[in-house]
PDB file of N, CA and C in Angstrom:
ATOM      1  N   MET A   1     175.139  67.280 193.738  1.00  0.00           N
ATOM      2  CA  MET A   1     174.195  68.268 194.251  1.00  0.00           C
ATOM      3  C   MET A   1     173.192  68.693 193.162  1.00  0.00           C
ATOM      4  N   ARG A   2     173.714  68.879 191.930  1.00  0.00           N
ATOM      5  CA  ARG A   2     172.818  69.271 190.838  1.00  0.00           C
ATOM      6  C   ARG A   2     171.825  68.161 190.527  1.00  0.00           C
ATOM      7  N   THR A   3     172.285  66.937 190.604  1.00  0.00           N
ATOM      8  CA  THR A   3     171.402  65.806 190.335  1.00  0.00           C
ATOM      9  C   THR A   3     170.262  65.770 191.338  1.00  0.00           C
ATOM     10  N   LEU A   4     170.584  66.025 192.589  1.00  0.00           N
ATOM     11  CA  LEU A   4     169.561  66.050 193.630  1.00  0.00           C
ATOM     12  C   LEU A   4     168.564  67.170 193.383  1.00  0.00           C
ATOM     13  N   ALA A   5     169.068  68.352 193.013  1.00  0.00           N
ATOM     14  CA  ALA A   5     168.183  69.493 192.742  1.00  0.00           C
ATOM     15  C   ALA A   5     167.286  69.200 191.539  1.00  0.00           C
ATOM     16  N   ALA A   6     167.848  68.582 190.490  1.00  0.00           N
ATOM     17  CA  ALA A   6     167.060  68.248 189.316  1.00  0.00           C
ATOM     18  C   ALA A   6     165.995  67.208 189.650  1.00  0.00           C
ATOM     19  N   LEU A   7     166.352  66.232 190.461  1.00  0.00           N
ATOM     20  CA  LEU A   7     165.401  65.205 190.869  1.00  0.00           C
ATOM     21  C   LEU A   7     164.270  65.797 191.697  1.00  0.00           C
ATOM     22  N   LEU A   8     164.588  66.701 192.594  1.00  0.00           N
ATOM     23  CA  LEU A   8     163.554  67.356 193.400  1.00  0.00           C
ATOM     24  C   LEU A   8     162.632  68.208 192.526  1.00  0.00           C
ATOM     25  N   ALA A   9     163.213  68.895 191.543  1.00  0.00           N
ATOM     26  CA  ALA A   9     162.403  69.715 190.642  1.00  0.00           C
ATOM     27  C   ALA A   9     161.459  68.831 189.821  1.00  0.00           C
ATOM     28  N   LEU A  10     161.961  67.707 189.354  1.00  0.00           N
ATOM     29  CA  LEU A  10     161.131  66.779 188.596  1.00  0.00           C
ATOM     30  C   LEU A  10     159.995  66.230 189.452  1.00  0.00           C
ATOM     31  N   MET A  11     160.276  65.879 190.678  1.00  0.00           N
ATOM     32  CA  MET A  11     159.247  65.373 191.579  1.00  0.00           C
ATOM     33  C   MET A  11     158.187  66.438 191.846  1.00  0.00           C
ATOM     34  N   LEU A  12     158.599  67.687 191.949  1.00  0.00           N
ATOM     35  CA  LEU A  12     157.663  68.788 192.172  1.00  0.00           C
ATOM     36  C   LEU A  12     156.719  68.929 190.973  1.00  0.00           C
ATOM     37  N   VAL A  13     157.278  68.882 189.763  1.00  0.00           N
ATOM     38  CA  VAL A  13     156.453  68.999 188.557  1.00  0.00           C
ATOM     39  C   VAL A  13     155.461  67.850 188.473  1.00  0.00           C
ATOM     40  N   ILE A  14     155.892  66.651 188.750  1.00  0.00           N
ATOM     41  CA  ILE A  14     155.015  65.486 188.698  1.00  0.00           C
ATOM     42  C   ILE A  14     153.907  65.588 189.736  1.00  0.00           C
ATOM     43  N   SER A  15     154.230  66.018 190.933  1.00  0.00           N
ATOM     44  CA  SER A  15     153.215  66.102 191.985  1.00  0.00           C
ATOM     45  C   SER A  15     152.187  67.188 191.684  1.00  0.00           C
ATOM     46  N   VAL A  16     152.621  68.301 191.106  1.00  0.00           N
ATOM     47  CA  VAL A  16     151.682  69.368 190.746  1.00  0.00           C
ATOM     48  C   VAL A  16     150.776  68.888 189.628  1.00  0.00           C
ATOM     49  N   SER A  17     151.314  68.174 188.638  1.00  0.00           N
ATOM     50  CA  SER A  17     150.508  67.650 187.533  1.00  0.00           C
ATOM     51  C   SER A  17     149.483  66.653 188.039  1.00  0.00           C
ATOM     52  N   ALA A  18     149.865  65.819 188.971  1.00  0.00           N
ATOM     53  CA  ALA A  18     148.959  64.796 189.499  1.00  0.00           C
ATOM     54  C   ALA A  18     147.810  65.408 190.286  1.00  0.00           C
ATOM     55  N   GLN A  19     148.019  66.559 190.895  1.00  0.00           N
ATOM     56  CA  GLN A  19     146.969  67.197 191.684  1.00  0.00           C
ATOM     57  C   GLN A  19     145.843  67.729 190.814  1.00  0.00           C
ATOM     58  N   HIS A  20     146.170  68.131 189.587  1.00  0.00           N
ATOM     59  CA  HIS A  20     145.143  68.686 188.702  1.00  0.00           C
ATOM     60  C   HIS A  20     144.248  67.608 188.131  1.00  0.00           C
ATOM     61  N   GLY A  21     144.713  66.386 188.075  1.00  0.00           N
ATOM     62  CA  GLY A  21     143.897  65.254 187.657  1.00  0.00           C
ATOM     63  C   GLY A  21     143.483  65.326 186.213  1.00  0.00           C
ATOM     64  N   PRO A  22     142.533  64.479 185.829  1.00  0.00           N
ATOM     65  CA  PRO A  22     142.083  64.441 184.436  1.00  0.00           C
ATOM     66  C   PRO A  22     141.273  65.673 184.082  1.00  0.00           C
ATOM     67  N   THR A  23     141.029  65.846 182.798  1.00  0.00           N
ATOM     68  CA  THR A  23     140.260  67.001 182.359  1.00  0.00           C
ATOM     69  C   THR A  23     138.837  66.920 182.912  1.00  0.00           C
ATOM     70  N   PRO A  24     138.200  68.063 183.104  1.00  0.00           N
ATOM     71  CA  PRO A  24     136.848  68.071 183.677  1.00  0.00           C
ATOM     72  C   PRO A  24     135.851  67.343 182.775  1.00  0.00           C
ATOM     73  N   VAL A  25     134.785  66.868 183.380  1.00  0.00           N
ATOM     74  CA  VAL A  25     133.725  66.151 182.671  1.00  0.00           C
ATOM     75  C   VAL A  25     132.853  67.178 181.951  1.00  0.00           C
ATOM     76  N   LYS A  26     132.501  66.886 180.693  1.00  0.00           N
ATOM     77  CA  LYS A  26     131.606  67.774 179.948  1.00  0.00           C
ATOM     78  C   LYS A  26     130.176  67.341 180.208  1.00  0.00           C
ATOM     79  N   CYS A  27     129.382  68.288 180.662  1.00  0.00           N
ATOM     80  CA  CYS A  27     127.958  68.061 180.876  1.00  0.00           C
ATOM     81  C   CYS A  27     127.170  69.062 180.042  1.00  0.00           C
ATOM     82  N   CYS A  28     125.932  68.746 179.743  1.00  0.00           N
ATOM     83  CA  CYS A  28     125.071  69.615 178.952  1.00  0.00           C
ATOM     84  C   CYS A  28     124.040  70.291 179.849  1.00  0.00           C
ATOM     85  N   ASP A  29     123.927  71.605 179.697  1.00  0.00           N
ATOM     86  CA  ASP A  29     122.927  72.357 180.455  1.00  0.00           C
ATOM     87  C   ASP A  29     121.566  72.303 179.774  1.00  0.00           C
ATOM     88  N   SER A  30     121.601  72.210 178.444  1.00  0.00           N
ATOM     89  CA  SER A  30     120.352  72.154 177.685  1.00  0.00           C
ATOM     90  C   SER A  30     120.588  71.353 176.410  1.00  0.00           C
ATOM     91  N   TYR A  31     119.485  71.005 175.763  1.00  0.00           N
ATOM     92  CA  TYR A  31     119.558  70.253 174.524  1.00  0.00           C
ATOM     93  C   TYR A  31     119.373  71.188 173.334  1.00  0.00           C
ATOM     94  N   SER A  32     120.032  70.868 172.241  1.00  0.00           N
ATOM     95  CA  SER A  32     119.854  71.624 171.009  1.00  0.00           C
ATOM     96  C   SER A  32     118.490  71.291 170.421  1.00  0.00           C
ATOM     97  N   SER A  33     117.811  72.286 169.870  1.00  0.00           N
ATOM     98  CA  SER A  33     116.503  72.055 169.255  1.00  0.00           C
ATOM     99  C   SER A  33     116.646  71.809 167.752  1.00  0.00           C
ATOM    100  N   HIS A  34     117.860  71.921 167.211  1.00  0.00           N
ATOM    101  CA  HIS A  34     118.105  71.730 165.786  1.00  0.00           C
ATOM    102  C   HIS A  34     118.338  70.259 165.460  1.00  0.00           C
ATOM    103  N   VAL A  35     117.829  69.839 164.322  1.00  0.00           N
ATOM    104  CA  VAL A  35     118.138  68.513 163.800  1.00  0.00           C
ATOM    105  C   VAL A  35     119.424  68.669 162.995  1.00  0.00           C
ATOM    106  N   ILE A  36     120.454  67.944 163.387  1.00  0.00           N
ATOM    107  CA  ILE A  36     121.737  68.036 162.700  1.00  0.00           C
ATOM    108  C   ILE A  36     121.739  66.993 161.577  1.00  0.00           C
ATOM    109  N   PRO A  37     122.049  67.420 160.346  1.00  0.00           N
ATOM    110  CA  PRO A  37     122.068  66.460 159.233  1.00  0.00           C
ATOM    111  C   PRO A  37     123.107  65.361 159.474  1.00  0.00           C
ATOM    112  N   ILE A  38     122.733  64.144 159.141  1.00  0.00           N
ATOM    113  CA  ILE A  38     123.579  62.984 159.418  1.00  0.00           C
ATOM    114  C   ILE A  38     124.945  63.092 158.724  1.00  0.00           C
ATOM    115  N   GLY A  39     124.990  63.722 157.571  1.00  0.00           N
ATOM    116  CA  GLY A  39     126.245  63.867 156.840  1.00  0.00           C
ATOM    117  C   GLY A  39     127.206  64.865 157.447  1.00  0.00           C
ATOM    118  N   LYS A  40     126.715  65.692 158.362  1.00  0.00           N
ATOM    119  CA  LYS A  40     127.561  66.716 158.990  1.00  0.00           C
ATOM    120  C   LYS A  40     128.215  66.236 160.284  1.00  0.00           C
ATOM    121  N   VAL A  41     127.746  65.115 160.827  1.00  0.00           N
ATOM    122  CA  VAL A  41     128.245  64.627 162.113  1.00  0.00           C
ATOM    123  C   VAL A  41     129.417  63.681 161.878  1.00  0.00           C
ATOM    124  N   VAL A  42     130.542  63.958 162.549  1.00  0.00           N
ATOM    125  CA  VAL A  42     131.732  63.120 162.384  1.00  0.00           C
ATOM    126  C   VAL A  42     131.992  62.223 163.594  1.00  0.00           C
ATOM    127  N   SER A  43     131.492  62.623 164.759  1.00  0.00           N
ATOM    128  CA  SER A  43     131.680  61.805 165.954  1.00  0.00           C
ATOM    129  C   SER A  43     130.678  62.209 167.022  1.00  0.00           C
ATOM    130  N   TYR A  44     130.637  61.408 168.079  1.00  0.00           N
ATOM    131  CA  TYR A  44     129.773  61.717 169.213  1.00  0.00           C
ATOM    132  C   TYR A  44     130.365  61.094 170.464  1.00  0.00           C
ATOM    133  N   PHE A  45     129.916  61.583 171.599  1.00  0.00           N
ATOM    134  CA  PHE A  45     130.199  60.914 172.864  1.00  0.00           C
ATOM    135  C   PHE A  45     129.006  61.119 173.783  1.00  0.00           C
ATOM    136  N   THR A  46     128.910  60.264 174.766  1.00  0.00           N
ATOM    137  CA  THR A  46     127.836  60.335 175.747  1.00  0.00           C
ATOM    138  C   THR A  46     128.369  61.034 176.988  1.00  0.00           C
ATOM    139  N   THR A  47     127.574  61.917 177.546  1.00  0.00           N
ATOM    140  CA  THR A  47     128.017  62.622 178.744  1.00  0.00           C
ATOM    141  C   THR A  47     128.140  61.644 179.915  1.00  0.00           C
ATOM    142  N   SER A  48     128.881  62.045 180.898  1.00  0.00           N
ATOM    143  CA  SER A  48     129.148  61.211 182.059  1.00  0.00           C
ATOM    144  C   SER A  48     127.873  60.942 182.856  1.00  0.00           C
ATOM    145  N   SER A  49     127.862  59.826 183.537  1.00  0.00           N
ATOM    146  CA  SER A  49     126.723  59.494 184.391  1.00  0.00           C
ATOM    147  C   SER A  49     126.638  60.434 185.592  1.00  0.00           C
ATOM    148  N   SER A  50     127.706  61.173 185.850  1.00  0.00           N
ATOM    149  CA  SER A  50     127.683  62.133 186.958  1.00  0.00           C
ATOM    150  C   SER A  50     127.016  63.451 186.556  1.00  0.00           C
ATOM    151  N   CYS A  51     126.684  63.603 185.278  1.00  0.00           N
ATOM    152  CA  CYS A  51     125.994  64.816 184.814  1.00  0.00           C
ATOM    153  C   CYS A  51     124.518  64.770 185.184  1.00  0.00           C
ATOM    154  N   TYR A  52     123.935  65.924 185.326  1.00  0.00           N
ATOM    155  CA  TYR A  52     122.524  66.044 185.683  1.00  0.00           C
ATOM    156  C   TYR A  52     121.621  65.477 184.590  1.00  0.00           C
ATOM    157  N   GLN A  53     121.946  65.793 183.303  1.00  0.00           N
ATOM    158  CA  GLN A  53     121.142  65.326 182.182  1.00  0.00           C
ATOM    159  C   GLN A  53     121.927  64.310 181.358  1.00  0.00           C
ATOM    160  N   ASN A  54     121.260  63.253 180.951  1.00  0.00           N
ATOM    161  CA  ASN A  54     121.853  62.295 180.044  1.00  0.00           C
ATOM    162  C   ASN A  54     121.786  62.892 178.640  1.00  0.00           C
ATOM    163  N   ALA A  55     122.910  62.896 177.919  1.00  0.00           N
ATOM    164  CA  ALA A  55     122.931  63.490 176.582  1.00  0.00           C
ATOM    165  C   ALA A  55     124.023  62.858 175.732  1.00  0.00           C
ATOM    166  N   HIS A  56     123.834  62.987 174.415  1.00  0.00           N
ATOM    167  CA  HIS A  56     124.895  62.705 173.463  1.00  0.00           C
ATOM    168  C   HIS A  56     125.402  64.065 172.995  1.00  0.00           C
ATOM    169  N   VAL A  57     126.686  64.164 172.771  1.00  0.00           N
ATOM    170  CA  VAL A  57     127.260  65.380 172.210  1.00  0.00           C
ATOM    171  C   VAL A  57     127.725  65.016 170.803  1.00  0.00           C
ATOM    172  N   LEU A  58     127.093  65.655 169.808  1.00  0.00           N
ATOM    173  CA  LEU A  58     127.437  65.405 168.418  1.00  0.00           C
ATOM    174  C   LEU A  58     128.452  66.436 167.966  1.00  0.00           C
ATOM    175  N   LYS A  59     129.526  65.971 167.332  1.00  0.00           N
ATOM    176  CA  LYS A  59     130.551  66.872 166.813  1.00  0.00           C
ATOM    177  C   LYS A  59     130.448  66.882 165.295  1.00  0.00           C
ATOM    178  N   THR A  60     130.427  68.087 164.711  1.00  0.00           N
ATOM    179  CA  THR A  60     130.239  68.228 163.268  1.00  0.00           C
ATOM    180  C   THR A  60     131.565  68.447 162.548  1.00  0.00           C
ATOM    181  N   VAL A  61     131.490  68.421 161.219  1.00  0.00           N
ATOM    182  CA  VAL A  61     132.671  68.670 160.398  1.00  0.00           C
ATOM    183  C   VAL A  61     133.210  70.077 160.626  1.00  0.00           C
ATOM    184  N   ALA A  62     132.368  70.988 161.060  1.00  0.00           N
ATOM    185  CA  ALA A  62     132.780  72.364 161.357  1.00  0.00           C
ATOM    186  C   ALA A  62     133.341  72.491 162.772  1.00  0.00           C
ATOM    187  N   ASP A  63     133.557  71.355 163.451  1.00  0.00           N
ATOM    188  CA  ASP A  63     134.125  71.295 164.792  1.00  0.00           C
ATOM    189  C   ASP A  63     133.220  71.947 165.849  1.00  0.00           C
ATOM    190  N   LYS A  64     131.916  71.923 165.599  1.00  0.00           N
ATOM    191  CA  LYS A  64     130.941  72.420 166.575  1.00  0.00           C
ATOM    192  C   LYS A  64     130.357  71.230 167.312  1.00  0.00           C
ATOM    193  N   GLU A  65     129.960  71.450 168.562  1.00  0.00           N
ATOM    194  CA  GLU A  65     129.378  70.391 169.378  1.00  0.00           C
ATOM    195  C   GLU A  65     127.952  70.764 169.774  1.00  0.00           C
ATOM    196  N   PHE A  66     127.068  69.790 169.655  1.00  0.00           N
ATOM    197  CA  PHE A  66     125.661  69.986 169.989  1.00  0.00           C
ATOM    198  C   PHE A  66     125.215  68.922 170.980  1.00  0.00           C
ATOM    199  N   CYS A  67     124.620  69.344 172.068  1.00  0.00           N
ATOM    200  CA  CYS A  67     124.035  68.414 173.041  1.00  0.00           C
ATOM    201  C   CYS A  67     122.637  68.049 172.560  1.00  0.00           C
ATOM    202  N   VAL A  68     122.380  66.751 172.489  1.00  0.00           N
ATOM    203  CA  VAL A  68     121.084  66.290 172.004  1.00  0.00           C
ATOM    204  C   VAL A  68     120.556  65.176 172.905  1.00  0.00           C
ATOM    205  N   LYS A  69     119.231  65.025 172.877  1.00  0.00           N
ATOM    206  CA  LYS A  69     118.607  63.949 173.650  1.00  0.00           C
ATOM    207  C   LYS A  69     118.910  62.611 172.994  1.00  0.00           C
ATOM    208  N   PRO A  70     119.415  61.659 173.737  1.00  0.00           N
ATOM    209  CA  PRO A  70     119.790  60.375 173.142  1.00  0.00           C
ATOM    210  C   PRO A  70     118.613  59.508 172.706  1.00  0.00           C
ATOM    211  N   ASP A  71     117.400  59.801 173.179  1.00  0.00           N
ATOM    212  CA  ASP A  71     116.258  58.955 172.838  1.00  0.00           C
ATOM    213  C   ASP A  71     115.497  59.419 171.591  1.00  0.00           C
ATOM    214  N   LEU A  72     115.930  60.490 170.946  1.00  0.00           N
ATOM    215  CA  LEU A  72     115.271  60.952 169.729  1.00  0.00           C
ATOM    216  C   LEU A  72     115.624  60.036 168.567  1.00  0.00           C
ATOM    217  N   HIS A  73     114.648  59.814 167.676  1.00  0.00           N
ATOM    218  CA  HIS A  73     114.834  58.888 166.554  1.00  0.00           C
ATOM    219  C   HIS A  73     116.013  59.290 165.658  1.00  0.00           C
ATOM    220  N   TRP A  74     116.097  60.573 165.299  1.00  0.00           N
ATOM    221  CA  TRP A  74     117.168  61.011 164.396  1.00  0.00           C
ATOM    222  C   TRP A  74     118.538  60.908 165.058  1.00  0.00           C
ATOM    223  N   VAL A  75     118.593  61.074 166.368  1.00  0.00           N
ATOM    224  CA  VAL A  75     119.863  60.934 167.094  1.00  0.00           C
ATOM    225  C   VAL A  75     120.286  59.467 167.093  1.00  0.00           C
ATOM    226  N   LYS A  76     119.339  58.565 167.325  1.00  0.00           N
ATOM    227  CA  LYS A  76     119.645  57.132 167.306  1.00  0.00           C
ATOM    228  C   LYS A  76     120.185  56.703 165.942  1.00  0.00           C
ATOM    229  N   LYS A  77     119.639  57.245 164.852  1.00  0.00           N
ATOM    230  CA  LYS A  77     120.121  56.909 163.512  1.00  0.00           C
ATOM    231  C   LYS A  77     121.568  57.353 163.325  1.00  0.00           C
ATOM    232  N   ILE A  78     121.889  58.544 163.789  1.00  0.00           N
ATOM    233  CA  ILE A  78     123.259  59.052 163.672  1.00  0.00           C
ATOM    234  C   ILE A  78     124.215  58.205 164.496  1.00  0.00           C
ATOM    235  N   VAL A  79     123.831  57.906 165.716  1.00  0.00           N
ATOM    236  CA  VAL A  79     124.680  57.104 166.602  1.00  0.00           C
ATOM    237  C   VAL A  79     124.905  55.719 166.011  1.00  0.00           C
ATOM    238  N   ASP A  80     123.845  55.096 165.487  1.00  0.00           N
ATOM    239  CA  ASP A  80     123.981  53.775 164.865  1.00  0.00           C
ATOM    240  C   ASP A  80     124.938  53.827 163.673  1.00  0.00           C
ATOM    241  N   LYS A  81     124.813  54.862 162.851  1.00  0.00           N
ATOM    242  CA  LYS A  81     125.694  55.004 161.692  1.00  0.00           C
ATOM    243  C   LYS A  81     127.151  55.164 162.133  1.00  0.00           C
ATOM    244  N   LEU A  82     127.383  56.001 163.109  1.00  0.00           N
ATOM    245  CA  LEU A  82     128.748  56.231 163.577  1.00  0.00           C
ATOM    246  C   LEU A  82     129.316  54.979 164.237  1.00  0.00           C
ATOM    247  N   ASP A  83     128.483  54.260 164.970  1.00  0.00           N
ATOM    248  CA  ASP A  83     128.950  53.028 165.626  1.00  0.00           C
ATOM    249  C   ASP A  83     129.316  51.960 164.584  1.00  0.00           C
ATOM    250  N   MET A  84     128.656  51.964 163.462  1.00  0.00           N
ATOM    251  CA  MET A  84     128.957  50.982 162.420  1.00  0.00           C
ATOM    252  C   MET A  84     130.316  51.250 161.770  1.00  0.00           C
ATOM    253  N   ARG A  85     130.758  52.498 161.803  1.00  0.00           N
ATOM    254  CA  ARG A  85     132.064  52.856 161.227  1.00  0.00           C
ATOM    255  C   ARG A  85     133.219  52.290 162.031  1.00  0.00           C
ATOM    256  N   THR A  86     133.021  52.157 163.339  1.00  0.00           N
ATOM    257  CA  THR A  86     134.144  51.739 164.190  1.00  0.00           C
ATOM    258  C   THR A  86     134.131  50.266 164.485  1.00  0.00           C
TER     259      THR A  86
END
């Protein structure tokens, strides 16, 4: 009987976890107007295609994130540098 109760409890936890799905998509409402120094950026990612605006999100050594336009020259240099590391 305990085994059955434990199995049902486990199934309940799994089903509740599955309903929440993956973490939400990060989208940018606006672009940062600051030029971030290339030495301060440690990583980046591109926002989802389901977002209203296409953007790169730059993450700095201070663990801050900045939404930037991907077509800017200085952004392309940072992205190229980071891509060369991996």
